[in-house]
Amino acid sequence: MLAYGEGDVAAFDELYRRHKGPLYRFLLRQCRDGAIAEELFQDIWTNVIRARRNYAVAARFTTYLYHLAHNRLIDHYRRRAPAALVSYDDEEASTSIEEIAGSAHERPEAAYEARQKAARLLELLQALPTAQREAFVLQHEAGMSIEDIAVVTGVTRETAKSRLRYAMAKLREGMQGWL
């Protein structure tokens, strides 16, 4: 990011390449709507571009990026009507499931079973409270440490750890019999 701030456009390309997939999946899992996730995704990268000259290293770039994403999600939720429900687009769900299940064309029954497990996991993930889902996705999609999750979400390390622990317990409980 510092190189990009000094005018190195290739540095931005590298940042974008490294973080676009995990960031988009994080947003999609949080808001559950592909169109909204895409809009938020674009807003976040626009904010990164705007901040390039004033960027100061306070943490890893990933922490900075997901902090922007967290704040943008909060803004989105505040603007949304409280009664409005968001649905998860089945087409995007199957794409994510394919990514999770991998390509097991050699054994169709294994591919089917993997898709079933992935669908169950996504269902359980969507049922988690927002704070727990966010902590889980930040760790497993973005590869963040508990300390980074705490910084991104603006909570203490113990709160982030607790959210992650509760999320894992609920997911394990929901996957019993599936593993």
Foldseek 3Di string as FASTA:
>chain_A
DLVVLVPDVVVVVVVCVVCVVLQLVLLCLQQQDNVVSVVLSVVLVVVCNVCSNVDDDPDDVLLVSLLSSLVSVVVVVVPDDPPDDHHHDPVVLVVVLCVQLDDPVVDVVSSVLSSVLSVLLSVLLSVQPSLLSSLQSCCPSVVDDLCSSCSSNVHDSVVSVVSPVVSVVSSVVSCVVSD
